[in-house]
Amino acid sequence: MKFASYMDRALDEARAAATRGEVPVGAVVVSADGAIVGEAGNRTRELNDPTAHAEILAIRAACTALGQERLPDHDLYVTLEPCPMCASAISFARIRRLYFGASDPKSGGVTSGARVFSHPQCHHAPEVYEGLAEQESSQLLRGFFEARR
């Protein structure tokens, strides 16, 4: 099977989040056969919920759509390196592969900071691929924060 990236859809979700005044992060959950089963952008401000990160919402949507609590054989595409909370949710959901765009040296939980998947307490670590659409993801975030300064 040929690799297909879903980062364009994640970027669309991130742009939609920015128009809502949210930090522009988007996430998409994709099944092994290439079907999108969940997608979301950040909604922490809209929902007054500090856990309403794009990854959490996309995982929730996928689990609801499939009627299951775990997502083995599913991949997650996200525009920004997941934070430790989201990395833990990715582990608990048993996501097969994680693809992310921009690194997050300040709050990341995968290749920066806490590095959740490398801890012995982590029960499941997905395959991790970083740097997909990194430039577009970084520019979107940079532009969002520059506009607020």
Protein backbone atom coordinates (compact mmCIF):
# COMPACT_ATOMS: atom_id res chain seq x y z
CA MET A 1 0.00 0.00 0.00
CA LYS A 2 1.31 3.43 -0.97
CA PHE A 3 1.81 6.01 1.78
CA ALA A 4 -0.64 8.90 1.76
CA SER A 5 -0.29 11.84 4.12
CA TYR A 6 -3.32 13.37 5.81
CA MET A 7 -1.45 16.43 7.05
CA ASP A 8 -3.41 18.66 4.63
CA ARG A 9 -6.59 17.71 6.50
CA ALA A 10 -4.88 18.31 9.84
CA LEU A 11 -3.74 21.73 8.59
CA ASP A 12 -7.33 22.51 7.52
CA GLU A 13 -8.45 21.72 11.07
CA ALA A 14 -5.66 23.91 12.47
CA ARG A 15 -6.69 26.82 10.25
CA ALA A 16 -10.31 26.42 11.35
CA ALA A 17 -9.14 26.48 14.98
CA ALA A 18 -7.27 29.74 14.34
CA THR A 19 -10.41 31.36 12.91
CA ARG A 20 -12.16 30.46 16.18
CA GLY A 21 -9.38 32.16 18.16
CA GLU A 22 -7.87 28.86 19.25
CA VAL A 23 -4.21 27.91 19.03
CA PRO A 24 -4.01 26.48 15.49
CA VAL A 25 -3.49 22.77 16.01
CA GLY A 26 -5.34 20.15 14.00
CA ALA A 27 -5.47 16.36 14.19
CA VAL A 28 -6.85 13.54 12.04
CA VAL A 29 -7.28 9.85 12.91
CA VAL A 30 -7.04 7.50 9.93
CA SER A 31 -7.83 3.77 9.73
CA ALA A 32 -5.49 1.25 8.12
CA ASP A 33 -7.57 1.36 4.94
CA GLY A 34 -7.21 5.16 4.70
CA ALA A 35 -10.63 6.22 6.00
CA ILE A 36 -10.73 9.33 8.18
CA VAL A 37 -12.59 8.30 11.34
CA GLY A 38 -12.00 11.39 13.47
CA GLU A 39 -10.71 14.91 13.03
CA ALA A 40 -10.64 18.06 15.10
CA GLY A 41 -8.92 21.31 15.86
CA ASN A 42 -8.24 22.82 19.27
CA ARG A 43 -11.36 23.95 21.16
CA THR A 44 -10.04 24.70 24.65
CA ARG A 45 -11.37 28.26 24.73
CA GLU A 46 -14.67 27.49 23.02
CA LEU A 47 -15.47 24.59 25.35
CA ASN A 48 -13.77 26.07 28.45
CA ASP A 49 -11.96 22.75 28.67
CA PRO A 50 -8.18 22.51 29.10
CA THR A 51 -8.29 18.94 27.75
CA ALA A 52 -9.96 19.93 24.45
CA HIS A 53 -6.76 19.64 22.45
CA ALA A 54 -7.08 18.60 18.80
CA GLU A 55 -5.59 15.15 19.45
CA ILE A 56 -7.94 14.37 22.33
CA LEU A 57 -11.00 15.52 20.37
CA ALA A 58 -10.00 13.58 17.24
CA ILE A 59 -9.39 10.41 19.29
CA ARG A 60 -12.75 10.85 21.04
CA ALA A 61 -14.52 11.32 17.70
CA ALA A 62 -12.86 8.22 16.24
CA CYS A 63 -13.66 6.06 19.27
CA THR A 64 -17.28 7.25 19.22
CA ALA A 65 -17.62 6.65 15.48
CA LEU A 66 -16.19 3.14 15.77
CA GLY A 67 -17.83 2.26 19.10
CA GLN A 68 -14.57 1.23 20.72
CA GLU A 69 -12.17 2.57 23.33
CA ARG A 70 -8.94 1.78 21.51
CA LEU A 71 -7.66 2.47 18.04
CA PRO A 72 -5.14 -0.19 17.06
CA ASP A 73 -4.39 -0.11 13.33
CA HIS A 74 -5.10 3.62 13.26
CA ASP A 75 -2.74 6.51 12.64
CA LEU A 76 -2.84 10.04 14.01
CA TYR A 77 -1.70 13.08 12.04
CA VAL A 78 -1.24 16.26 14.06
CA THR A 79 0.26 19.61 13.13
CA LEU A 80 2.18 20.09 16.40
CA GLU A 81 4.12 17.68 18.58
CA PRO A 82 1.64 16.36 21.16
CA CYS A 83 1.94 17.57 24.75
CA PRO A 84 2.40 15.00 27.55
CA MET A 85 -1.38 14.77 28.13
CA CYS A 86 -2.04 14.04 24.48
CA ALA A 87 0.90 11.65 24.20
CA SER A 88 -0.57 9.69 27.12
CA ALA A 89 -3.98 9.61 25.41
CA ILE A 90 -2.31 8.39 22.21
CA SER A 91 -0.68 5.59 24.19
CA PHE A 92 -3.92 4.63 25.97
CA ALA A 93 -5.78 4.63 22.64
CA ARG A 94 -3.12 2.30 21.21
CA ILE A 95 -2.58 4.48 18.14
CA ARG A 96 -0.37 2.59 15.66
CA ARG A 97 1.55 5.51 14.14
CA LEU A 98 1.91 9.17 15.07
CA TYR A 99 2.84 11.71 12.41
CA PHE A 100 3.42 15.30 13.49
CA GLY A 101 4.53 18.53 11.87
CA ALA A 102 6.21 21.11 14.07
CA SER A 103 8.26 20.21 17.13
CA ASP A 104 7.30 21.84 20.41
CA PRO A 105 10.45 22.37 22.51
CA LYS A 106 8.46 24.26 25.17
CA SER A 107 5.49 21.91 25.74
CA GLY A 108 6.09 18.79 23.66
CA GLY A 109 5.75 15.35 25.15
CA VAL A 110 7.09 13.07 22.40
CA THR A 111 10.58 14.09 21.21
CA SER A 112 10.86 17.10 23.53
CA GLY A 113 10.23 17.54 27.23
CA ALA A 114 8.59 14.57 28.95
CA ARG A 115 9.13 12.06 26.12
CA VAL A 116 6.17 10.03 27.33
CA PHE A 117 6.71 7.07 25.00
CA SER A 118 10.22 6.41 26.32
CA HIS A 119 9.14 5.90 29.94
CA PRO A 120 8.95 2.35 31.30
CA GLN A 121 5.45 3.14 32.59
CA CYS A 122 4.24 3.68 29.03
CA HIS A 123 2.27 0.59 28.04
CA HIS A 124 2.15 1.34 24.31
CA ALA A 125 4.37 3.49 22.13
CA PRO A 126 3.33 4.22 18.55
CA GLU A 127 5.77 4.50 15.69
CA VAL A 128 6.64 8.22 15.54
CA TYR A 129 7.35 10.22 12.40
CA GLU A 130 8.12 13.89 12.86
CA GLY A 131 8.50 16.76 10.44
CA LEU A 132 5.58 16.13 8.05
CA ALA A 133 4.46 19.54 6.77
CA GLU A 134 6.73 21.03 9.41
CA GLN A 135 7.18 24.36 7.63
CA GLU A 136 3.45 24.92 7.05
CA SER A 137 2.62 23.90 10.62
CA SER A 138 5.30 26.18 12.07
CA GLN A 139 4.28 29.15 9.92
CA LEU A 140 0.64 28.77 10.94
CA LEU A 141 1.56 28.78 14.63
CA ARG A 142 4.08 31.60 14.28
CA GLY A 143 1.60 33.77 12.36
CA PHE A 144 -1.13 33.15 14.93
CA PHE A 145 1.04 34.23 17.86
CA GLU A 146 2.63 37.19 16.03
CA ALA A 147 -0.87 38.55 15.36
CA ARG A 148 -1.60 38.50 19.09
CA ARG A 149 1.50 40.39 20.19
